Amino acid sequence: MLLHLCTWTEVEAYLKQSSGIILPIGSTEQHGPTGLIGTDAICAEAIAKGVGEATNALVGPTINVGMALHHTGFPGTISLQPSTLIQLVRDYLSSLTRAGFTKFFFINGHGGNIATLKAAFAESYAHLTDLNIPNAEHVQCRVANWFTCASVYKLAKELYGNQEGSHATPSEIAVTQYLYPESIKDIPLLTSAASGHTIYGAVDFRRRYPDGRMGSNPSLATPEHGRQFYELSVKELSSCYLEFLSAD
């Protein structure tokens, strides 16, 4: 079930059976010369829908702009300030908690969101309690990064070895190729990607990683690889979501 395709009466009926909701979150940022700018949101949204179908869970609207300030040296990137993303998550949780949701499972597609999401959860627990929203003390949030699933990590290492890298990776590019084969970019990568540099600001990032890749070789990606990553992540995260729902 997708929240935006439901009526309020359908959501009310759902809440009689479950207080859980899946929230996909990604980013709108550069992914090297061949990666789609929407990669992180595309992957998170598709995988979240798959988990929702597998577990009969409600899936909320995708948060498709995240914390990507270090990528803003590349045209097309859109980023929120950490404080803005924290406020956005707080507002999501306030609205949904008032409706009766208490279990929030964020399926994340962008590493840069992780620290901010954890800060947002901490602030939200206190904020919801201060608002005296019923059931605020029962609210629990979890961030699940599809790209760190054990099965996904294992397959990426088998397929790509050290050419997986850490940004504009062949695994995430493969998922977008599987979902949007008509958008595959066939552009030769003439040089190897830089790696190992600490991330600072946007100007420094572009200087150290001039084409946007971080140690990755996305030319290794194929739509078939993407299908495998999609299926593995949906299976693993479905189990994680059901475990989360049943936990105290």
C-alpha atoms as a PDB file:
ATOM      1  CA  MET A   1       0.000   0.000   0.000  1.00  0.00           C
ATOM      2  CA  LEU A   2       1.276   3.427  -0.934  1.00  0.00           C
ATOM      3  CA  LEU A   3       0.123   6.199   1.374  1.00  0.00           C
ATOM      4  CA  HIS A   4      -0.425   8.701  -1.411  1.00  0.00           C
ATOM      5  CA  LEU A   5      -2.688   6.258  -3.251  1.00  0.00           C
ATOM      6  CA  CYS A   6      -4.835   5.567  -0.175  1.00  0.00           C
ATOM      7  CA  THR A   7      -7.825   7.395   1.237  1.00  0.00           C
ATOM      8  CA  TRP A   8      -7.884   8.457   4.870  1.00  0.00           C
ATOM      9  CA  THR A   9     -10.436   5.756   5.617  1.00  0.00           C
ATOM     10  CA  GLU A  10      -8.080   3.104   4.224  1.00  0.00           C
ATOM     11  CA  VAL A  11      -5.261   4.412   6.420  1.00  0.00           C
ATOM     12  CA  GLU A  12      -7.572   4.368   9.431  1.00  0.00           C
ATOM     13  CA  ALA A  13      -8.431   0.734   8.689  1.00  0.00           C
ATOM     14  CA  TYR A  14      -4.743  -0.136   8.263  1.00  0.00           C
ATOM     15  CA  LEU A  15      -3.929   1.335  11.678  1.00  0.00           C
ATOM     16  CA  LYS A  16      -6.301  -1.142  13.299  1.00  0.00           C
ATOM     17  CA  GLN A  17      -3.954  -3.886  12.087  1.00  0.00           C
ATOM     18  CA  SER A  18      -0.515  -2.245  12.262  1.00  0.00           C
ATOM     19  CA  SER A  19       1.207   0.846  13.614  1.00  0.00           C
ATOM     20  CA  GLY A  20       4.178   0.447  11.265  1.00  0.00           C
ATOM     21  CA  ILE A  21       5.072   2.463   8.202  1.00  0.00           C
ATOM     22  CA  ILE A  22       8.008   2.346   5.795  1.00  0.00           C
ATOM     23  CA  LEU A  23       9.540   5.655   4.737  1.00  0.00           C
ATOM     24  CA  PRO A  24      11.976   5.661   1.802  1.00  0.00           C
ATOM     25  CA  ILE A  25      14.643   8.363   1.891  1.00  0.00           C
ATOM     26  CA  GLY A  26      17.398   9.129  -0.590  1.00  0.00           C
ATOM     27  CA  SER A  27      19.099  12.076  -2.179  1.00  0.00           C
ATOM     28  CA  THR A  28      19.229  14.133  -5.351  1.00  0.00           C
ATOM     29  CA  GLU A  29      22.926  14.353  -6.137  1.00  0.00           C
ATOM     30  CA  GLN A  30      25.596  13.658  -8.720  1.00  0.00           C
ATOM     31  CA  HIS A  31      26.614  10.048  -9.260  1.00  0.00           C
ATOM     32  CA  GLY A  32      29.546  10.412 -11.576  1.00  0.00           C
ATOM     33  CA  PRO A  33      29.469  10.633 -15.383  1.00  0.00           C
ATOM     34  CA  THR A  34      27.122   7.655 -15.837  1.00  0.00           C
ATOM     35  CA  GLY A  35      24.971   7.642 -12.702  1.00  0.00           C
ATOM     36  CA  LEU A  36      21.530   9.208 -12.516  1.00  0.00           C
ATOM     37  CA  ILE A  37      21.207  12.195 -10.197  1.00  0.00           C
ATOM     38  CA  GLY A  38      18.177  10.565  -8.595  1.00  0.00           C
ATOM     39  CA  THR A  39      19.975   7.253  -7.939  1.00  0.00           C
ATOM     40  CA  ASP A  40      19.703   7.245  -4.134  1.00  0.00           C
ATOM     41  CA  ALA A  41      16.011   8.131  -4.085  1.00  0.00           C
ATOM     42  CA  ILE A  42      15.201   5.795  -6.989  1.00  0.00           C
ATOM     43  CA  CYS A  43      16.786   2.821  -5.241  1.00  0.00           C
ATOM     44  CA  ALA A  44      15.262   3.553  -1.833  1.00  0.00           C
ATOM     45  CA  GLU A  45      11.784   4.082  -3.269  1.00  0.00           C
ATOM     46  CA  ALA A  46      11.758   0.903  -5.364  1.00  0.00           C
ATOM     47  CA  ILE A  47      13.142  -1.267  -2.574  1.00  0.00           C
ATOM     48  CA  ALA A  48      10.715   0.235  -0.046  1.00  0.00           C
ATOM     49  CA  LYS A  49       7.788  -0.568  -2.355  1.00  0.00           C
ATOM     50  CA  GLY A  50       9.070  -4.114  -2.681  1.00  0.00           C
ATOM     51  CA  VAL A  51       9.326  -4.498   1.092  1.00  0.00           C
ATOM     52  CA  GLY A  52       5.872  -3.016   1.513  1.00  0.00           C
ATOM     53  CA  GLU A  53       4.394  -5.548  -0.912  1.00  0.00           C
ATOM     54  CA  ALA A  54       6.215  -8.434   0.765  1.00  0.00           C
ATOM     55  CA  THR A  55       5.094  -7.478   4.280  1.00  0.00           C
ATOM     56  CA  ASN A  56       1.695  -5.831   3.627  1.00  0.00           C
ATOM     57  CA  ALA A  57       3.102  -2.615   5.039  1.00  0.00           C
ATOM     58  CA  LEU A  58       2.100   0.936   4.258  1.00  0.00           C
ATOM     59  CA  VAL A  59       4.808   2.890   2.403  1.00  0.00           C
ATOM     60  CA  GLY A  60       4.989   6.653   2.802  1.00  0.00           C
ATOM     61  CA  PRO A  61       6.094   9.257   0.261  1.00  0.00           C
ATOM     62  CA  THR A  62       9.767   9.256  -0.646  1.00  0.00           C
ATOM     63  CA  ILE A  63      11.997  11.914   0.867  1.00  0.00           C
ATOM     64  CA  ASN A  64      14.028  12.391  -2.283  1.00  0.00           C
ATOM     65  CA  VAL A  65      16.253  15.290  -1.236  1.00  0.00           C
ATOM     66  CA  GLY A  66      18.691  14.579   1.573  1.00  0.00           C
ATOM     67  CA  MET A  67      21.901  15.871   3.135  1.00  0.00           C
ATOM     68  CA  ALA A  68      24.326  16.121   0.206  1.00  0.00           C
ATOM     69  CA  LEU A  69      26.171  19.378   0.788  1.00  0.00           C
ATOM     70  CA  HIS A  70      29.527  17.885  -0.222  1.00  0.00           C
ATOM     71  CA  HIS A  71      28.128  17.111  -3.703  1.00  0.00           C
ATOM     72  CA  THR A  72      26.870  20.625  -4.430  1.00  0.00           C
ATOM     73  CA  GLY A  73      29.946  21.428  -6.504  1.00  0.00           C
ATOM     74  CA  PHE A  74      28.341  19.385  -9.283  1.00  0.00           C
ATOM     75  CA  PRO A  75      25.404  20.748 -11.336  1.00  0.00           C
ATOM     76  CA  GLY A  76      22.047  19.164 -10.566  1.00  0.00           C
ATOM     77  CA  THR A  77      22.682  18.323  -6.930  1.00  0.00           C
ATOM     78  CA  ILE A  78      20.056  19.556  -4.465  1.00  0.00           C
ATOM     79  CA  SER A  79      20.792  19.372  -0.749  1.00  0.00           C
ATOM     80  CA  LEU A  80      19.099  20.126   2.540  1.00  0.00           C
ATOM     81  CA  GLN A  81      20.986  21.511   5.490  1.00  0.00           C
ATOM     82  CA  PRO A  82      21.206  18.938   8.297  1.00  0.00           C
ATOM     83  CA  SER A  83      18.976  21.140  10.448  1.00  0.00           C
ATOM     84  CA  THR A  84      16.375  21.300   7.650  1.00  0.00           C
ATOM     85  CA  LEU A  85      16.329  17.525   7.243  1.00  0.00           C
ATOM     86  CA  ILE A  86      15.985  17.097  10.999  1.00  0.00           C
ATOM     87  CA  GLN A  87      12.991  19.440  11.028  1.00  0.00           C
ATOM     88  CA  LEU A  88      11.449  17.672   8.038  1.00  0.00           C
ATOM     89  CA  VAL A  89      11.734  14.278   9.753  1.00  0.00           C
ATOM     90  CA  ARG A  90      10.321  15.745  12.988  1.00  0.00           C
ATOM     91  CA  ASP A  91       7.317  17.083  11.082  1.00  0.00           C
ATOM     92  CA  TYR A  92       6.761  13.737   9.333  1.00  0.00           C
ATOM     93  CA  LEU A  93       6.864  11.907  12.646  1.00  0.00           C
ATOM     94  CA  SER A  94       4.635  14.429  14.425  1.00  0.00           C
ATOM     95  CA  SER A  95       1.923  14.129  11.780  1.00  0.00           C
ATOM     96  CA  LEU A  96       2.074  10.363  11.543  1.00  0.00           C
ATOM     97  CA  THR A  97       2.264   9.803  15.297  1.00  0.00           C
ATOM     98  CA  ARG A  98      -0.867  11.916  15.787  1.00  0.00           C
ATOM     99  CA  ALA A  99      -2.592   9.539  13.348  1.00  0.00           C
ATOM    100  CA  GLY A 100      -1.526   6.492  15.374  1.00  0.00           C
ATOM    101  CA  PHE A 101       1.739   5.287  13.825  1.00  0.00           C
ATOM    102  CA  THR A 102       4.521   4.361  16.245  1.00  0.00           C
ATOM    103  CA  LYS A 103       6.968   2.212  14.238  1.00  0.00           C
ATOM    104  CA  PHE A 104       8.917   4.137  11.605  1.00  0.00           C
ATOM    105  CA  PHE A 105      11.220   2.135   9.319  1.00  0.00           C
ATOM    106  CA  PHE A 106      13.321   4.398   7.100  1.00  0.00           C
ATOM    107  CA  ILE A 107      14.783   2.618   4.064  1.00  0.00           C
ATOM    108  CA  ASN A 108      17.754   4.780   3.163  1.00  0.00           C
ATOM    109  CA  GLY A 109      19.696   5.036  -0.086  1.00  0.00           C
ATOM    110  CA  HIS A 110      22.276   7.697   0.829  1.00  0.00           C
ATOM    111  CA  GLY A 111      25.159   7.370   3.257  1.00  0.00           C
ATOM    112  CA  GLY A 112      25.193  11.113   3.863  1.00  0.00           C
ATOM    113  CA  ASN A 113      21.752  10.896   5.500  1.00  0.00           C
ATOM    114  CA  ILE A 114      22.713   8.485   8.259  1.00  0.00           C
ATOM    115  CA  ALA A 115      24.152  10.840  10.877  1.00  0.00           C
ATOM    116  CA  THR A 116      21.404  13.411  10.335  1.00  0.00           C
ATOM    117  CA  LEU A 117      18.660  10.782  10.547  1.00  0.00           C
ATOM    118  CA  LYS A 118      19.980   9.498  13.860  1.00  0.00           C
ATOM    119  CA  ALA A 119      20.067  13.049  15.195  1.00  0.00           C
ATOM    120  CA  ALA A 120      16.520  13.584  13.908  1.00  0.00           C
ATOM    121  CA  PHE A 121      15.302  10.487  15.728  1.00  0.00           C
ATOM    122  CA  ALA A 122      16.831  11.668  19.003  1.00  0.00           C
ATOM    123  CA  GLU A 123      15.275  15.123  18.672  1.00  0.00           C
ATOM    124  CA  SER A 124      11.921  13.669  17.617  1.00  0.00           C
ATOM    125  CA  TYR A 125      11.572  11.401  20.640  1.00  0.00           C
ATOM    126  CA  ALA A 126      11.927  14.419  22.929  1.00  0.00           C
ATOM    127  CA  HIS A 127       9.794  16.671  20.706  1.00  0.00           C
ATOM    128  CA  LEU A 128       6.887  14.218  20.507  1.00  0.00           C
ATOM    129  CA  THR A 129       6.902  13.792  24.276  1.00  0.00           C
ATOM    130  CA  ASP A 130       6.941  17.559  24.787  1.00  0.00           C
ATOM    131  CA  LEU A 131       3.897  17.851  22.514  1.00  0.00           C
ATOM    132  CA  ASN A 132       2.009  15.328  24.689  1.00  0.00           C
ATOM    133  CA  ILE A 133       1.001  13.349  21.625  1.00  0.00           C
ATOM    134  CA  PRO A 134      -0.703  10.096  22.633  1.00  0.00           C
ATOM    135  CA  ASN A 135       1.588   7.070  22.295  1.00  0.00           C
ATOM    136  CA  ALA A 136       4.661   9.291  21.923  1.00  0.00           C
ATOM    137  CA  GLU A 137       6.504   7.125  24.424  1.00  0.00           C
ATOM    138  CA  HIS A 138       5.992   4.118  22.140  1.00  0.00           C
ATOM    139  CA  VAL A 139       7.497   5.725  19.024  1.00  0.00           C
ATOM    140  CA  GLN A 140      10.494   3.880  17.620  1.00  0.00           C
ATOM    141  CA  CYS A 141      12.539   4.723  14.514  1.00  0.00           C
ATOM    142  CA  ARG A 142      15.051   2.667  12.619  1.00  0.00           C
ATOM    143  CA  VAL A 143      17.218   3.467   9.602  1.00  0.00           C
ATOM    144  CA  ALA A 144      17.920   0.550   7.266  1.00  0.00           C
ATOM    145  CA  ASN A 145      20.487   1.183   4.530  1.00  0.00           C
ATOM    146  CA  TRP A 146      19.792  -1.144   1.618  1.00  0.00           C
ATOM    147  CA  PHE A 147      23.400  -0.915   0.427  1.00  0.00           C
ATOM    148  CA  THR A 148      24.764  -2.286   3.702  1.00  0.00           C
ATOM    149  CA  CYS A 149      22.561  -5.387   3.706  1.00  0.00           C
ATOM    150  CA  ALA A 150      24.865  -8.379   4.269  1.00  0.00           C
ATOM    151  CA  SER A 151      23.603 -10.148   1.143  1.00  0.00           C
ATOM    152  CA  VAL A 152      24.043  -7.014  -0.997  1.00  0.00           C
ATOM    153  CA  TYR A 153      27.556  -6.376   0.330  1.00  0.00           C
ATOM    154  CA  LYS A 154      28.553  -9.985  -0.336  1.00  0.00           C
ATOM    155  CA  LEU A 155      27.310  -9.935  -3.931  1.00  0.00           C
ATOM    156  CA  ALA A 156      28.936  -6.557  -4.639  1.00  0.00           C
ATOM    157  CA  LYS A 157      32.286  -7.898  -3.467  1.00  0.00           C
ATOM    158  CA  GLU A 158      31.877 -11.032  -5.595  1.00  0.00           C
ATOM    159  CA  LEU A 159      30.956  -9.073  -8.715  1.00  0.00           C
ATOM    160  CA  TYR A 160      33.172  -6.004  -8.410  1.00  0.00           C
ATOM    161  CA  GLY A 161      35.856  -6.550  -5.771  1.00  0.00           C
ATOM    162  CA  ASN A 162      37.613  -3.310  -4.869  1.00  0.00           C
ATOM    163  CA  GLN A 163      36.047  -1.579  -7.890  1.00  0.00           C
ATOM    164  CA  GLU A 164      32.774  -1.262  -5.968  1.00  0.00           C
ATOM    165  CA  GLY A 165      34.154   1.901  -4.353  1.00  0.00           C
ATOM    166  CA  SER A 166      32.025   4.037  -2.067  1.00  0.00           C
ATOM    167  CA  HIS A 167      30.126   6.472  -4.316  1.00  0.00           C
ATOM    168  CA  ALA A 168      28.623   6.100  -7.790  1.00  0.00           C
ATOM    169  CA  THR A 169      29.105   2.400  -7.119  1.00  0.00           C
ATOM    170  CA  PRO A 170      28.326  -0.246  -9.738  1.00  0.00           C
ATOM    171  CA  SER A 171      25.824  -1.858  -7.341  1.00  0.00           C
ATOM    172  CA  GLU A 172      23.628   1.227  -7.035  1.00  0.00           C
ATOM    173  CA  ILE A 173      24.021   2.083 -10.725  1.00  0.00           C
ATOM    174  CA  ALA A 174      22.975  -1.493 -11.535  1.00  0.00           C
ATOM    175  CA  VAL A 175      19.733  -1.088  -9.567  1.00  0.00           C
ATOM    176  CA  THR A 176      18.828   2.040 -11.542  1.00  0.00           C
ATOM    177  CA  GLN A 177      19.662   0.212 -14.784  1.00  0.00           C
ATOM    178  CA  TYR A 178      17.288  -2.582 -13.786  1.00  0.00           C
ATOM    179  CA  LEU A 179      14.521  -0.119 -12.920  1.00  0.00           C
ATOM    180  CA  TYR A 180      15.094   2.320 -15.796  1.00  0.00           C
ATOM    181  CA  PRO A 181      16.877   0.486 -18.645  1.00  0.00           C
ATOM    182  CA  GLU A 182      15.921   3.258 -21.033  1.00  0.00           C
ATOM    183  CA  SER A 183      18.085   5.664 -19.012  1.00  0.00           C
ATOM    184  CA  ILE A 184      21.343   3.684 -19.125  1.00  0.00           C
ATOM    185  CA  LYS A 185      24.249   5.988 -19.961  1.00  0.00           C
ATOM    186  CA  ASP A 186      26.881   4.461 -22.213  1.00  0.00           C
ATOM    187  CA  ILE A 187      29.768   6.829 -21.581  1.00  0.00           C
ATOM    188  CA  PRO A 188      33.368   5.556 -21.439  1.00  0.00           C
ATOM    189  CA  LEU A 189      35.231   6.207 -18.209  1.00  0.00           C
ATOM    190  CA  LEU A 190      38.697   7.241 -19.314  1.00  0.00           C
ATOM    191  CA  THR A 191      40.476   7.304 -15.949  1.00  0.00           C
ATOM    192  CA  SER A 192      40.313   5.402 -12.686  1.00  0.00           C
ATOM    193  CA  ALA A 193      38.427   7.035  -9.845  1.00  0.00           C
ATOM    194  CA  ALA A 194      40.198   8.697  -6.924  1.00  0.00           C
ATOM    195  CA  SER A 195      39.700   7.170  -3.489  1.00  0.00           C
ATOM    196  CA  GLY A 196      40.753   7.442   0.131  1.00  0.00           C
ATOM    197  CA  HIS A 197      40.399  11.194   0.632  1.00  0.00           C
ATOM    198  CA  THR A 198      38.559  12.581   3.649  1.00  0.00           C
ATOM    199  CA  ILE A 199      35.342  14.399   2.767  1.00  0.00           C
ATOM    200  CA  TYR A 200      35.258  18.091   3.622  1.00  0.00           C
ATOM    201  CA  GLY A 201      33.355  20.810   1.746  1.00  0.00           C
ATOM    202  CA  ALA A 202      31.945  20.820  -1.778  1.00  0.00           C
ATOM    203  CA  VAL A 203      34.885  22.636  -3.396  1.00  0.00           C
ATOM    204  CA  ASP A 204      37.417  20.302  -1.826  1.00  0.00           C
ATOM    205  CA  PHE A 205      35.312  17.263  -2.759  1.00  0.00           C
ATOM    206  CA  ARG A 206      35.222  18.190  -6.440  1.00  0.00           C
ATOM    207  CA  ARG A 207      38.950  18.907  -6.444  1.00  0.00           C
ATOM    208  CA  ARG A 208      39.759  15.492  -5.010  1.00  0.00           C
ATOM    209  CA  TYR A 209      37.037  13.585  -6.893  1.00  0.00           C
ATOM    210  CA  PRO A 210      36.829  15.514 -10.187  1.00  0.00           C
ATOM    211  CA  ASP A 211      34.295  13.276 -11.965  1.00  0.00           C
ATOM    212  CA  GLY A 212      32.276  12.537  -8.812  1.00  0.00           C
ATOM    213  CA  ARG A 213      33.210   8.877  -8.380  1.00  0.00           C
ATOM    214  CA  MET A 214      34.875   7.570  -5.233  1.00  0.00           C
ATOM    215  CA  GLY A 215      36.975   4.529  -6.100  1.00  0.00           C
ATOM    216  CA  SER A 216      34.181   3.005  -8.183  1.00  0.00           C
ATOM    217  CA  ASN A 217      33.875   1.546 -11.661  1.00  0.00           C
ATOM    218  CA  PRO A 218      30.190   1.805 -12.588  1.00  0.00           C
ATOM    219  CA  SER A 219      30.904   0.506 -16.108  1.00  0.00           C
ATOM    220  CA  LEU A 220      30.767  -2.963 -14.512  1.00  0.00           C
ATOM    221  CA  ALA A 221      27.065  -2.561 -13.700  1.00  0.00           C
ATOM    222  CA  THR A 222      24.367  -4.449 -15.626  1.00  0.00           C
ATOM    223  CA  PRO A 223      20.571  -4.535 -15.329  1.00  0.00           C
ATOM    224  CA  GLU A 224      20.788  -8.228 -14.365  1.00  0.00           C
ATOM    225  CA  HIS A 225      23.085  -7.334 -11.476  1.00  0.00           C
ATOM    226  CA  GLY A 226      20.543  -4.705 -10.494  1.00  0.00           C
ATOM    227  CA  ARG A 227      17.745  -7.274 -10.395  1.00  0.00           C
ATOM    228  CA  GLN A 228      19.814  -9.423  -8.051  1.00  0.00           C
ATOM    229  CA  PHE A 229      20.614  -6.501  -5.741  1.00  0.00           C
ATOM    230  CA  TYR A 230      16.965  -5.453  -5.710  1.00  0.00           C
ATOM    231  CA  GLU A 231      15.698  -8.917  -4.831  1.00  0.00           C
ATOM    232  CA  LEU A 232      18.344  -9.504  -2.162  1.00  0.00           C
ATOM    233  CA  SER A 233      17.695  -6.174  -0.457  1.00  0.00           C
ATOM    234  CA  VAL A 234      13.912  -6.612  -0.523  1.00  0.00           C
ATOM    235  CA  LYS A 235      14.212 -10.061   1.036  1.00  0.00           C
ATOM    236  CA  GLU A 236      16.646  -8.994   3.759  1.00  0.00           C
ATOM    237  CA  LEU A 237      14.891  -5.744   4.627  1.00  0.00           C
ATOM    238  CA  SER A 238      11.499  -7.455   4.733  1.00  0.00           C
ATOM    239  CA  SER A 239      12.833  -9.682   7.490  1.00  0.00           C
ATOM    240  CA  CYS A 240      14.334  -6.667   9.251  1.00  0.00           C
ATOM    241  CA  TYR A 241      11.040  -4.769   9.086  1.00  0.00           C
ATOM    242  CA  LEU A 242       9.011  -7.649  10.508  1.00  0.00           C
ATOM    243  CA  GLU A 243      11.556  -8.097  13.305  1.00  0.00           C
ATOM    244  CA  PHE A 244      11.347  -4.372  14.034  1.00  0.00           C
ATOM    245  CA  LEU A 245       7.542  -4.508  14.207  1.00  0.00           C
ATOM    246  CA  SER A 246       7.558  -7.382  16.664  1.00  0.00           C
ATOM    247  CA  ALA A 247      10.265  -5.985  18.950  1.00  0.00           C
ATOM    248  CA  ASP A 248       9.292  -4.245  22.195  1.00  0.00           C
END
